């Protein structure tokens, strides 16, 4: 049988007939066919998709349409639009939900309490520097009342927002982390060395900042605080400034101890848990306050501070038994 010329062994430099390589690729299988076959590229192709029940679906797919992930809820409007990449960022909405006039008024009312707390803290600082320590301590109690009102108001009216939570935390730092230690410093000034007073008050400010930052990033528990809350620590110091006549080194040590308890991991019961206290115990602090307000106040504060380590020990013992 006669073979084709390109099947023979080449003995010369004559060129091979055109089409030999192409014919071999076409006879070699599907892979070669895909390599040599030129298909037109269409703007709309078919995309295979599988439903949850396993059925395959065919739907048109346009490569020009690129899916874009939605922006986070808290960052809507914070980035420039695609149409104008050089546009400045627009402020995010502070009030979540429908911005009706009534909801705006409720939102302004709740945040006005927070702003009043900041202003009262600044007034307490100025009055303490002017020598009016007792009045400054009374203004700190006003800060505590405003701090206890703004959150429930926002939740009651349905205008709670991340902005309000951050404002409340900053107001607590101004009123309880800065103003309260300054008022206490002015109250103890002249009674103790400045290094002892300043060290205890500085520790109070640092621990308040750590306590507030940790509270913002920690999961919330409806029964216990992790460490003494900043508001309660400020309440203790403000009342101490008002009722304690004798300020000595024990008071400075108590300020430092209170600051350390703020950043401790001991569980402290919230005020809502006081309803579980037996009814027969309620008359005791009332009678004690009528007899000697200073001693009763110190006993109540010491009992609350000791309750944290006791609860921690009880919980750890239960966990070891289980």
C-alpha atoms as a PDB file:
ATOM      1  CA  UNK A   1       0.000   0.000   0.000  1.00  0.00           C
ATOM      2  CA  UNK A   2       1.323   3.326  -0.952  1.00  0.00           C
ATOM      3  CA  UNK A   3       1.959   5.664   1.899  1.00  0.00           C
ATOM      4  CA  UNK A   4       1.743   9.392   1.806  1.00  0.00           C
ATOM      5  CA  UNK A   5       4.988  11.277   1.342  1.00  0.00           C
ATOM      6  CA  UNK A   6       4.988  12.671   4.870  1.00  0.00           C
ATOM      7  CA  UNK A   7       4.817   9.196   6.292  1.00  0.00           C
ATOM      8  CA  UNK A   8       8.209   8.350   4.903  1.00  0.00           C
ATOM      9  CA  UNK A   9      11.432   9.093   6.581  1.00  0.00           C
ATOM     10  CA  UNK A  10      12.637  12.477   5.588  1.00  0.00           C
ATOM     11  CA  UNK A  11      15.796  12.454   3.589  1.00  0.00           C
ATOM     12  CA  UNK A  12      15.740  16.027   2.383  1.00  0.00           C
ATOM     13  CA  UNK A  13      15.012  19.495   3.637  1.00  0.00           C
ATOM     14  CA  UNK A  14      11.801  19.789   1.677  1.00  0.00           C
ATOM     15  CA  UNK A  15       8.953  21.342   3.670  1.00  0.00           C
ATOM     16  CA  UNK A  16       6.177  19.171   4.990  1.00  0.00           C
ATOM     17  CA  UNK A  17       2.794  19.420   3.410  1.00  0.00           C
ATOM     18  CA  UNK A  18       0.550  21.949   5.038  1.00  0.00           C
ATOM     19  CA  UNK A  19      -2.081  20.675   7.421  1.00  0.00           C
ATOM     20  CA  UNK A  20      -0.230  17.672   8.828  1.00  0.00           C
ATOM     21  CA  UNK A  21      -0.062  18.898  12.441  1.00  0.00           C
ATOM     22  CA  UNK A  22      -3.647  20.112  12.359  1.00  0.00           C
ATOM     23  CA  UNK A  23      -4.932  16.778  11.102  1.00  0.00           C
ATOM     24  CA  UNK A  24      -3.080  14.904  13.843  1.00  0.00           C
ATOM     25  CA  UNK A  25      -4.548  17.160  16.563  1.00  0.00           C
ATOM     26  CA  UNK A  26      -8.002  16.695  15.160  1.00  0.00           C
ATOM     27  CA  UNK A  27      -7.599  12.909  15.230  1.00  0.00           C
ATOM     28  CA  UNK A  28      -6.064  12.837  18.752  1.00  0.00           C
ATOM     29  CA  UNK A  29      -9.234  13.356  20.798  1.00  0.00           C
ATOM     30  CA  UNK A  30     -11.488  15.834  22.498  1.00  0.00           C
ATOM     31  CA  UNK A  31      -8.679  17.778  24.174  1.00  0.00           C
ATOM     32  CA  UNK A  32      -7.104  18.567  20.859  1.00  0.00           C
ATOM     33  CA  UNK A  33     -10.441  19.546  19.425  1.00  0.00           C
ATOM     34  CA  UNK A  34     -10.947  22.032  22.211  1.00  0.00           C
ATOM     35  CA  UNK A  35      -7.482  23.451  21.617  1.00  0.00           C
ATOM     36  CA  UNK A  36      -7.899  24.003  17.911  1.00  0.00           C
ATOM     37  CA  UNK A  37     -11.557  24.923  17.924  1.00  0.00           C
ATOM     38  CA  UNK A  38     -12.157  28.657  18.152  1.00  0.00           C
ATOM     39  CA  UNK A  39     -15.471  29.574  19.705  1.00  0.00           C
ATOM     40  CA  UNK A  40     -16.917  33.072  19.684  1.00  0.00           C
ATOM     41  CA  UNK A  41     -17.126  34.838  23.035  1.00  0.00           C
ATOM     42  CA  UNK A  42     -20.648  35.982  23.768  1.00  0.00           C
ATOM     43  CA  UNK A  43     -21.393  38.746  26.259  1.00  0.00           C
ATOM     44  CA  UNK A  44     -24.098  36.614  27.891  1.00  0.00           C
ATOM     45  CA  UNK A  45     -23.263  33.026  28.751  1.00  0.00           C
ATOM     46  CA  UNK A  46     -25.076  30.288  30.577  1.00  0.00           C
ATOM     47  CA  UNK A  47     -24.270  29.790  34.231  1.00  0.00           C
ATOM     48  CA  UNK A  48     -24.891  26.462  35.899  1.00  0.00           C
ATOM     49  CA  UNK A  49     -26.413  26.735  39.320  1.00  0.00           C
ATOM     50  CA  UNK A  50     -27.495  24.042  41.757  1.00  0.00           C
ATOM     51  CA  UNK A  51     -30.540  24.416  43.963  1.00  0.00           C
ATOM     52  CA  UNK A  52     -30.528  23.148  47.576  1.00  0.00           C
ATOM     53  CA  UNK A  53     -32.460  20.038  46.457  1.00  0.00           C
ATOM     54  CA  UNK A  54     -29.737  19.115  43.971  1.00  0.00           C
ATOM     55  CA  UNK A  55     -31.459  20.187  40.727  1.00  0.00           C
ATOM     56  CA  UNK A  56     -29.211  22.004  38.291  1.00  0.00           C
ATOM     57  CA  UNK A  57     -30.515  25.210  36.782  1.00  0.00           C
ATOM     58  CA  UNK A  58     -29.364  27.163  33.760  1.00  0.00           C
ATOM     59  CA  UNK A  59     -29.608  30.903  33.876  1.00  0.00           C
ATOM     60  CA  UNK A  60     -28.047  33.643  31.782  1.00  0.00           C
ATOM     61  CA  UNK A  61     -24.880  35.165  33.142  1.00  0.00           C
ATOM     62  CA  UNK A  62     -23.591  38.518  32.096  1.00  0.00           C
ATOM     63  CA  UNK A  63     -19.841  38.935  32.837  1.00  0.00           C
ATOM     64  CA  UNK A  64     -20.210  42.686  32.583  1.00  0.00           C
ATOM     65  CA  UNK A  65     -22.439  42.684  35.646  1.00  0.00           C
ATOM     66  CA  UNK A  66     -20.162  42.103  38.630  1.00  0.00           C
ATOM     67  CA  UNK A  67     -21.895  41.388  41.965  1.00  0.00           C
ATOM     68  CA  UNK A  68     -20.970  43.799  44.723  1.00  0.00           C
ATOM     69  CA  UNK A  69     -21.208  42.953  48.404  1.00  0.00           C
ATOM     70  CA  UNK A  70     -23.530  45.273  50.342  1.00  0.00           C
ATOM     71  CA  UNK A  71     -21.922  47.787  52.679  1.00  0.00           C
ATOM     72  CA  UNK A  72     -22.194  47.206  56.432  1.00  0.00           C
ATOM     73  CA  UNK A  73     -25.240  48.716  58.096  1.00  0.00           C
ATOM     74  CA  UNK A  74     -23.193  51.085  60.246  1.00  0.00           C
ATOM     75  CA  UNK A  75     -21.156  52.422  57.321  1.00  0.00           C
ATOM     76  CA  UNK A  76     -23.931  53.338  54.893  1.00  0.00           C
ATOM     77  CA  UNK A  77     -23.075  56.673  53.341  1.00  0.00           C
ATOM     78  CA  UNK A  78     -19.579  56.725  54.860  1.00  0.00           C
ATOM     79  CA  UNK A  79     -17.805  55.995  51.557  1.00  0.00           C
ATOM     80  CA  UNK A  80     -17.846  58.055  48.348  1.00  0.00           C
ATOM     81  CA  UNK A  81     -20.132  56.916  45.564  1.00  0.00           C
ATOM     82  CA  UNK A  82     -18.870  55.222  42.421  1.00  0.00           C
ATOM     83  CA  UNK A  83     -20.088  58.099  40.271  1.00  0.00           C
ATOM     84  CA  UNK A  84     -17.853  60.606  42.068  1.00  0.00           C
ATOM     85  CA  UNK A  85     -14.876  58.882  43.743  1.00  0.00           C
ATOM     86  CA  UNK A  86     -13.425  62.230  44.839  1.00  0.00           C
ATOM     87  CA  UNK A  87     -16.549  63.237  46.774  1.00  0.00           C
ATOM     88  CA  UNK A  88     -16.085  63.648  50.554  1.00  0.00           C
ATOM     89  CA  UNK A  89     -17.708  61.016  52.797  1.00  0.00           C
ATOM     90  CA  UNK A  90     -21.210  61.799  53.926  1.00  0.00           C
ATOM     91  CA  UNK A  91     -22.023  61.490  57.650  1.00  0.00           C
ATOM     92  CA  UNK A  92     -23.805  58.336  58.732  1.00  0.00           C
ATOM     93  CA  UNK A  93     -27.319  58.653  60.187  1.00  0.00           C
ATOM     94  CA  UNK A  94     -27.184  58.849  63.979  1.00  0.00           C
ATOM     95  CA  UNK A  95     -30.806  57.807  64.504  1.00  0.00           C
ATOM     96  CA  UNK A  96     -31.636  54.303  63.235  1.00  0.00           C
ATOM     97  CA  UNK A  97     -35.040  53.701  61.716  1.00  0.00           C
ATOM     98  CA  UNK A  98     -37.538  56.194  60.380  1.00  0.00           C
ATOM     99  CA  UNK A  99     -36.425  59.769  61.159  1.00  0.00           C
ATOM    100  CA  UNK A 100     -39.822  61.179  62.101  1.00  0.00           C
ATOM    101  CA  UNK A 101     -40.162  64.377  64.128  1.00  0.00           C
ATOM    102  CA  UNK A 102     -41.331  62.519  67.241  1.00  0.00           C
ATOM    103  CA  UNK A 103     -38.458  60.025  67.128  1.00  0.00           C
ATOM    104  CA  UNK A 104     -35.988  62.856  66.618  1.00  0.00           C
ATOM    105  CA  UNK A 105     -37.332  64.621  69.711  1.00  0.00           C
ATOM    106  CA  UNK A 106     -37.046  61.437  71.765  1.00  0.00           C
ATOM    107  CA  UNK A 107     -33.524  60.892  70.447  1.00  0.00           C
ATOM    108  CA  UNK A 108     -32.560  64.452  71.346  1.00  0.00           C
ATOM    109  CA  UNK A 109     -34.055  64.083  74.823  1.00  0.00           C
ATOM    110  CA  UNK A 110     -32.133  60.895  75.595  1.00  0.00           C
ATOM    111  CA  UNK A 111     -28.844  62.337  74.393  1.00  0.00           C
ATOM    112  CA  UNK A 112     -29.516  65.640  76.179  1.00  0.00           C
ATOM    113  CA  UNK A 113     -29.318  63.745  79.471  1.00  0.00           C
ATOM    114  CA  UNK A 114     -25.889  62.486  78.430  1.00  0.00           C
ATOM    115  CA  UNK A 115     -24.750  65.999  77.559  1.00  0.00           C
ATOM    116  CA  UNK A 116     -26.058  67.322  80.886  1.00  0.00           C
ATOM    117  CA  UNK A 117     -23.953  64.689  82.637  1.00  0.00           C
ATOM    118  CA  UNK A 118     -20.848  65.999  80.851  1.00  0.00           C
ATOM    119  CA  UNK A 119     -21.690  69.602  81.743  1.00  0.00           C
ATOM    120  CA  UNK A 120     -22.279  68.721  85.402  1.00  0.00           C
ATOM    121  CA  UNK A 121     -18.923  66.934  85.480  1.00  0.00           C
ATOM    122  CA  UNK A 122     -17.166  69.999  84.069  1.00  0.00           C
ATOM    123  CA  UNK A 123     -18.943  72.217  86.600  1.00  0.00           C
ATOM    124  CA  UNK A 124     -17.833  69.881  89.395  1.00  0.00           C
ATOM    125  CA  UNK A 125     -14.210  70.215  88.264  1.00  0.00           C
ATOM    126  CA  UNK A 126     -14.385  74.013  88.164  1.00  0.00           C
ATOM    127  CA  UNK A 127     -16.080  74.283  91.553  1.00  0.00           C
ATOM    128  CA  UNK A 128     -13.614  71.895  93.166  1.00  0.00           C
ATOM    129  CA  UNK A 129     -10.722  74.002  91.871  1.00  0.00           C
ATOM    130  CA  UNK A 130     -12.434  77.042  93.367  1.00  0.00           C
ATOM    131  CA  UNK A 131     -12.636  75.319  96.749  1.00  0.00           C
ATOM    132  CA  UNK A 132     -16.331  74.328  96.679  1.00  0.00           C
ATOM    133  CA  UNK A 133     -15.693  70.621  97.152  1.00  0.00           C
ATOM    134  CA  UNK A 134     -19.036  69.810  98.789  1.00  0.00           C
ATOM    135  CA  UNK A 135     -21.005  71.419  95.969  1.00  0.00           C
ATOM    136  CA  UNK A 136     -18.817  69.657  93.417  1.00  0.00           C
ATOM    137  CA  UNK A 137     -19.539  66.299  95.045  1.00  0.00           C
ATOM    138  CA  UNK A 138     -23.272  67.070  94.898  1.00  0.00           C
ATOM    139  CA  UNK A 139     -22.942  67.795  91.175  1.00  0.00           C
ATOM    140  CA  UNK A 140     -21.295  64.407  90.738  1.00  0.00           C
ATOM    141  CA  UNK A 141     -24.452  62.847  92.158  1.00  0.00           C
ATOM    142  CA  UNK A 142     -26.343  64.764  89.468  1.00  0.00           C
ATOM    143  CA  UNK A 143     -24.070  63.166  86.854  1.00  0.00           C
ATOM    144  CA  UNK A 144     -24.929  59.767  88.275  1.00  0.00           C
ATOM    145  CA  UNK A 145     -28.667  60.488  88.026  1.00  0.00           C
ATOM    146  CA  UNK A 146     -28.362  61.637  84.398  1.00  0.00           C
ATOM    147  CA  UNK A 147     -26.337  58.550  83.546  1.00  0.00           C
ATOM    148  CA  UNK A 148     -29.039  56.358  85.068  1.00  0.00           C
ATOM    149  CA  UNK A 149     -31.780  58.108  83.064  1.00  0.00           C
ATOM    150  CA  UNK A 150     -30.466  58.381  79.486  1.00  0.00           C
ATOM    151  CA  UNK A 151     -30.263  54.655  78.727  1.00  0.00           C
ATOM    152  CA  UNK A 152     -33.768  53.719  79.961  1.00  0.00           C
ATOM    153  CA  UNK A 153     -35.239  56.704  78.102  1.00  0.00           C
ATOM    154  CA  UNK A 154     -33.621  55.655  74.828  1.00  0.00           C
ATOM    155  CA  UNK A 155     -34.849  52.082  75.217  1.00  0.00           C
ATOM    156  CA  UNK A 156     -38.354  53.140  76.238  1.00  0.00           C
ATOM    157  CA  UNK A 157     -38.806  55.423  73.234  1.00  0.00           C
ATOM    158  CA  UNK A 158     -37.109  53.001  70.818  1.00  0.00           C
ATOM    159  CA  UNK A 159     -34.274  55.363  69.868  1.00  0.00           C
ATOM    160  CA  UNK A 160     -31.316  53.393  71.271  1.00  0.00           C
ATOM    161  CA  UNK A 161     -28.393  53.553  68.856  1.00  0.00           C
ATOM    162  CA  UNK A 162     -24.641  52.826  68.701  1.00  0.00           C
ATOM    163  CA  UNK A 163     -24.067  56.584  68.713  1.00  0.00           C
ATOM    164  CA  UNK A 164     -25.903  56.911  72.025  1.00  0.00           C
ATOM    165  CA  UNK A 165     -23.930  54.042  73.536  1.00  0.00           C
ATOM    166  CA  UNK A 166     -20.627  55.649  72.559  1.00  0.00           C
ATOM    167  CA  UNK A 167     -21.768  59.048  73.852  1.00  0.00           C
ATOM    168  CA  UNK A 168     -22.729  57.468  77.171  1.00  0.00           C
ATOM    169  CA  UNK A 169     -19.313  55.823  77.463  1.00  0.00           C
ATOM    170  CA  UNK A 170     -17.484  59.088  76.728  1.00  0.00           C
ATOM    171  CA  UNK A 171     -19.670  60.960  79.203  1.00  0.00           C
ATOM    172  CA  UNK A 172     -18.884  58.362  81.878  1.00  0.00           C
ATOM    173  CA  UNK A 173     -15.180  58.843  81.257  1.00  0.00           C
ATOM    174  CA  UNK A 174     -15.499  62.630  81.559  1.00  0.00           C
ATOM    175  CA  UNK A 175     -17.705  62.634  84.656  1.00  0.00           C
ATOM    176  CA  UNK A 176     -16.564  59.521  86.513  1.00  0.00           C
ATOM    177  CA  UNK A 177     -13.062  58.932  85.142  1.00  0.00           C
ATOM    178  CA  UNK A 178     -11.807  62.531  85.210  1.00  0.00           C
ATOM    179  CA  UNK A 179     -14.104  64.782  87.250  1.00  0.00           C
ATOM    180  CA  UNK A 180     -14.551  62.385  90.173  1.00  0.00           C
ATOM    181  CA  UNK A 181     -10.808  61.805  90.808  1.00  0.00           C
ATOM    182  CA  UNK A 182     -10.188  65.559  90.602  1.00  0.00           C
ATOM    183  CA  UNK A 183     -12.915  66.285  93.151  1.00  0.00           C
ATOM    184  CA  UNK A 184     -11.501  63.592  95.452  1.00  0.00           C
ATOM    185  CA  UNK A 185      -8.004  65.058  95.009  1.00  0.00           C
ATOM    186  CA  UNK A 186      -9.236  68.482  96.045  1.00  0.00           C
ATOM    187  CA  UNK A 187     -11.063  66.967  99.023  1.00  0.00           C
ATOM    188  CA  UNK A 188      -7.911  65.219 100.286  1.00  0.00           C
ATOM    189  CA  UNK A 189      -5.549  68.041  99.405  1.00  0.00           C
ATOM    190  CA  UNK A 190      -3.678  69.239 102.471  1.00  0.00           C
ATOM    191  CA  UNK A 191      -4.617  66.203 104.548  1.00  0.00           C
ATOM    192  CA  UNK A 192      -2.189  63.760 102.892  1.00  0.00           C
ATOM    193  CA  UNK A 193       1.004  64.018 100.812  1.00  0.00           C
ATOM    194  CA  UNK A 194       0.323  64.948  97.210  1.00  0.00           C
ATOM    195  CA  UNK A 195       2.110  61.856  95.875  1.00  0.00           C
ATOM    196  CA  UNK A 196      -0.239  59.558  97.784  1.00  0.00           C
ATOM    197  CA  UNK A 197      -3.363  61.465  96.790  1.00  0.00           C
ATOM    198  CA  UNK A 198      -2.257  61.908  93.192  1.00  0.00           C
ATOM    199  CA  UNK A 199      -1.288  58.259  92.823  1.00  0.00           C
ATOM    200  CA  UNK A 200      -4.668  57.008  94.074  1.00  0.00           C
ATOM    201  CA  UNK A 201      -6.612  59.443  91.879  1.00  0.00           C
ATOM    202  CA  UNK A 202      -4.498  58.687  88.798  1.00  0.00           C
ATOM    203  CA  UNK A 203      -5.080  54.982  89.355  1.00  0.00           C
ATOM    204  CA  UNK A 204      -8.798  55.704  89.533  1.00  0.00           C
ATOM    205  CA  UNK A 205      -8.756  57.486  86.162  1.00  0.00           C
ATOM    206  CA  UNK A 206      -6.731  54.749  84.444  1.00  0.00           C
ATOM    207  CA  UNK A 207      -8.902  51.949  85.816  1.00  0.00           C
ATOM    208  CA  UNK A 208     -12.061  53.826  84.798  1.00  0.00           C
ATOM    209  CA  UNK A 209     -10.820  54.033  81.193  1.00  0.00           C
ATOM    210  CA  UNK A 210      -9.948  50.321  81.151  1.00  0.00           C
ATOM    211  CA  UNK A 211     -13.283  49.416  82.743  1.00  0.00           C
ATOM    212  CA  UNK A 212     -15.317  51.403  80.206  1.00  0.00           C
ATOM    213  CA  UNK A 213     -13.366  50.093  77.211  1.00  0.00           C
ATOM    214  CA  UNK A 214     -13.743  46.509  78.394  1.00  0.00           C
ATOM    215  CA  UNK A 215     -17.456  47.024  78.976  1.00  0.00           C
ATOM    216  CA  UNK A 216     -17.925  48.263  75.388  1.00  0.00           C
ATOM    217  CA  UNK A 217     -16.387  45.133  73.843  1.00  0.00           C
ATOM    218  CA  UNK A 218     -17.653  42.517  76.328  1.00  0.00           C
ATOM    219  CA  UNK A 219     -20.917  40.553  76.047  1.00  0.00           C
ATOM    220  CA  UNK A 220     -23.610  41.927  78.310  1.00  0.00           C
ATOM    221  CA  UNK A 221     -24.889  39.931  81.288  1.00  0.00           C
ATOM    222  CA  UNK A 222     -28.266  40.735  82.786  1.00  0.00           C
ATOM    223  CA  UNK A 223     -27.337  39.611  86.305  1.00  0.00           C
ATOM    224  CA  UNK A 224     -23.728  40.538  87.076  1.00  0.00           C
ATOM    225  CA  UNK A 225     -21.115  43.151  86.303  1.00  0.00           C
ATOM    226  CA  UNK A 226     -17.543  42.116  85.589  1.00  0.00           C
ATOM    227  CA  UNK A 227     -15.813  44.268  88.174  1.00  0.00           C
ATOM    228  CA  UNK A 228     -17.259  47.220  90.070  1.00  0.00           C
ATOM    229  CA  UNK A 229     -19.116  49.493  87.604  1.00  0.00           C
ATOM    230  CA  UNK A 230     -17.704  52.965  87.073  1.00  0.00           C
ATOM    231  CA  UNK A 231     -20.969  54.634  88.071  1.00  0.00           C
ATOM    232  CA  UNK A 232     -21.071  52.830  91.396  1.00  0.00           C
ATOM    233  CA  UNK A 233     -17.443  53.708  92.137  1.00  0.00           C
ATOM    234  CA  UNK A 234     -18.177  57.375  91.446  1.00  0.00           C
ATOM    235  CA  UNK A 235     -21.243  57.183  93.686  1.00  0.00           C
ATOM    236  CA  UNK A 236     -19.167  55.799  96.563  1.00  0.00           C
ATOM    237  CA  UNK A 237     -16.525  58.509  96.190  1.00  0.00           C
ATOM    238  CA  UNK A 238     -19.061  61.338  95.867  1.00  0.00           C
ATOM    239  CA  UNK A 239     -20.999  60.240  98.966  1.00  0.00           C
ATOM    240  CA  UNK A 240     -17.733  59.687 100.843  1.00  0.00           C
ATOM    241  CA  UNK A 241     -16.723  63.260 100.105  1.00  0.00           C
ATOM    242  CA  UNK A 242     -20.062  64.479 101.445  1.00  0.00           C
ATOM    243  CA  UNK A 243     -20.470  62.381 104.606  1.00  0.00           C
ATOM    244  CA  UNK A 244     -16.935  61.535 105.765  1.00  0.00           C
ATOM    245  CA  UNK A 245     -15.545  64.238 108.001  1.00  0.00           C
ATOM    246  CA  UNK A 246     -12.122  62.671 108.569  1.00  0.00           C
ATOM    247  CA  UNK A 247      -9.955  62.044 105.495  1.00  0.00           C
ATOM    248  CA  UNK A 248      -6.806  60.040 106.222  1.00  0.00           C
ATOM    249  CA  UNK A 249      -4.502  57.514 104.632  1.00  0.00           C
ATOM    250  CA  UNK A 250      -7.173  54.815 104.974  1.00  0.00           C
ATOM    251  CA  UNK A 251      -9.396  56.811 102.646  1.00  0.00           C
ATOM    252  CA  UNK A 252      -6.624  57.044 100.042  1.00  0.00           C
ATOM    253  CA  UNK A 253      -6.040  53.305 100.291  1.00  0.00           C
ATOM    254  CA  UNK A 254      -9.783  52.781  99.855  1.00  0.00           C
ATOM    255  CA  UNK A 255      -9.753  54.861  96.658  1.00  0.00           C
ATOM    256  CA  UNK A 256      -6.912  52.745  95.252  1.00  0.00           C
ATOM    257  CA  UNK A 257      -8.682  49.507  96.258  1.00  0.00           C
ATOM    258  CA  UNK A 258     -11.912  50.669  94.644  1.00  0.00           C
ATOM    259  CA  UNK A 259     -10.030  51.463  91.437  1.00  0.00           C
ATOM    260  CA  UNK A 260      -8.484  47.989  91.316  1.00  0.00           C
ATOM    261  CA  UNK A 261     -11.861  46.361  91.930  1.00  0.00           C
ATOM    262  CA  UNK A 262     -13.158  48.159  88.834  1.00  0.00           C
ATOM    263  CA  UNK A 263     -10.790  46.248  86.552  1.00  0.00           C
ATOM    264  CA  UNK A 264     -11.049  42.953  88.406  1.00  0.00           C
ATOM    265  CA  UNK A 265     -12.916  39.988  86.981  1.00  0.00           C
ATOM    266  CA  UNK A 266     -15.045  39.429  90.080  1.00  0.00           C
ATOM    267  CA  UNK A 267     -18.811  39.234  89.458  1.00  0.00           C
ATOM    268  CA  UNK A 268     -20.807  41.964  91.171  1.00  0.00           C
ATOM    269  CA  UNK A 269     -24.589  41.770  91.306  1.00  0.00           C
ATOM    270  CA  UNK A 270     -26.593  44.455  89.570  1.00  0.00           C
ATOM    271  CA  UNK A 271     -29.038  46.572  91.520  1.00  0.00           C
ATOM    272  CA  UNK A 272     -31.908  44.636  89.956  1.00  0.00           C
ATOM    273  CA  UNK A 273     -30.723  41.578  91.884  1.00  0.00           C
ATOM    274  CA  UNK A 274     -31.340  43.304  95.225  1.00  0.00           C
ATOM    275  CA  UNK A 275     -34.953  42.131  95.103  1.00  0.00           C
ATOM    276  CA  UNK A 276     -33.659  38.668  95.980  1.00  0.00           C
ATOM    277  CA  UNK A 277     -32.348  39.930  99.322  1.00  0.00           C
ATOM    278  CA  UNK A 278     -34.523  38.637 102.206  1.00  0.00           C
ATOM    279  CA  UNK A 279     -37.081  41.175 103.386  1.00  0.00           C
ATOM    280  CA  UNK A 280     -35.910  41.023 106.995  1.00  0.00           C
ATOM    281  CA  UNK A 281     -32.535  42.513 105.995  1.00  0.00           C
ATOM    282  CA  UNK A 282     -33.964  45.765 104.596  1.00  0.00           C
ATOM    283  CA  UNK A 283     -34.638  47.507 107.935  1.00  0.00           C
ATOM    284  CA  UNK A 284     -31.053  46.970 109.107  1.00  0.00           C
ATOM    285  CA  UNK A 285     -29.327  49.546 106.851  1.00  0.00           C
ATOM    286  CA  UNK A 286     -32.135  52.037 107.453  1.00  0.00           C
ATOM    287  CA  UNK A 287     -31.696  51.788 111.220  1.00  0.00           C
ATOM    288  CA  UNK A 288     -27.929  51.961 110.849  1.00  0.00           C
ATOM    289  CA  UNK A 289     -28.139  55.153 108.777  1.00  0.00           C
ATOM    290  CA  UNK A 290     -30.254  56.756 111.460  1.00  0.00           C
ATOM    291  CA  UNK A 291     -27.784  55.803 114.187  1.00  0.00           C
ATOM    292  CA  UNK A 292     -24.444  56.505 112.464  1.00  0.00           C
ATOM    293  CA  UNK A 293     -24.444  57.368 108.795  1.00  0.00           C
ATOM    294  CA  UNK A 294     -20.666  57.175 108.359  1.00  0.00           C
ATOM    295  CA  UNK A 295     -20.181  53.717 109.859  1.00  0.00           C
ATOM    296  CA  UNK A 296     -23.243  52.309 108.086  1.00  0.00           C
ATOM    297  CA  UNK A 297     -22.097  53.686 104.759  1.00  0.00           C
ATOM    298  CA  UNK A 298     -18.630  52.162 105.131  1.00  0.00           C
ATOM    299  CA  UNK A 299     -20.122  48.795 106.144  1.00  0.00           C
ATOM    300  CA  UNK A 300     -22.417  48.744 103.101  1.00  0.00           C
ATOM    301  CA  UNK A 301     -19.561  49.621 100.732  1.00  0.00           C
ATOM    302  CA  UNK A 302     -17.276  47.002 102.257  1.00  0.00           C
ATOM    303  CA  UNK A 303     -20.011  44.354 102.070  1.00  0.00           C
ATOM    304  CA  UNK A 304     -20.559  45.054  98.365  1.00  0.00           C
ATOM    305  CA  UNK A 305     -16.840  44.953  97.580  1.00  0.00           C
ATOM    306  CA  UNK A 306     -16.424  41.657  99.425  1.00  0.00           C
ATOM    307  CA  UNK A 307     -19.453  40.135  97.652  1.00  0.00           C
ATOM    308  CA  UNK A 308     -17.535  39.973  94.360  1.00  0.00           C
ATOM    309  CA  UNK A 309     -14.741  37.643  95.540  1.00  0.00           C
ATOM    310  CA  UNK A 310     -17.289  35.548  97.471  1.00  0.00           C
ATOM    311  CA  UNK A 311     -19.477  35.046  94.397  1.00  0.00           C
ATOM    312  CA  UNK A 312     -16.392  34.194  92.343  1.00  0.00           C
ATOM    313  CA  UNK A 313     -15.321  31.561  94.892  1.00  0.00           C
ATOM    314  CA  UNK A 314     -18.825  30.041  95.018  1.00  0.00           C
ATOM    315  CA  UNK A 315     -19.076  29.801  91.230  1.00  0.00           C
ATOM    316  CA  UNK A 316     -15.629  28.290  90.940  1.00  0.00           C
ATOM    317  CA  UNK A 317     -16.440  25.707  93.595  1.00  0.00           C
ATOM    318  CA  UNK A 318     -19.632  24.717  91.791  1.00  0.00           C
ATOM    319  CA  UNK A 319     -17.766  24.396  88.508  1.00  0.00           C
ATOM    320  CA  UNK A 320     -15.164  22.136  90.171  1.00  0.00           C
ATOM    321  CA  UNK A 321     -17.904  19.881  91.589  1.00  0.00           C
ATOM    322  CA  UNK A 322     -19.612  19.557  88.228  1.00  0.00           C
END
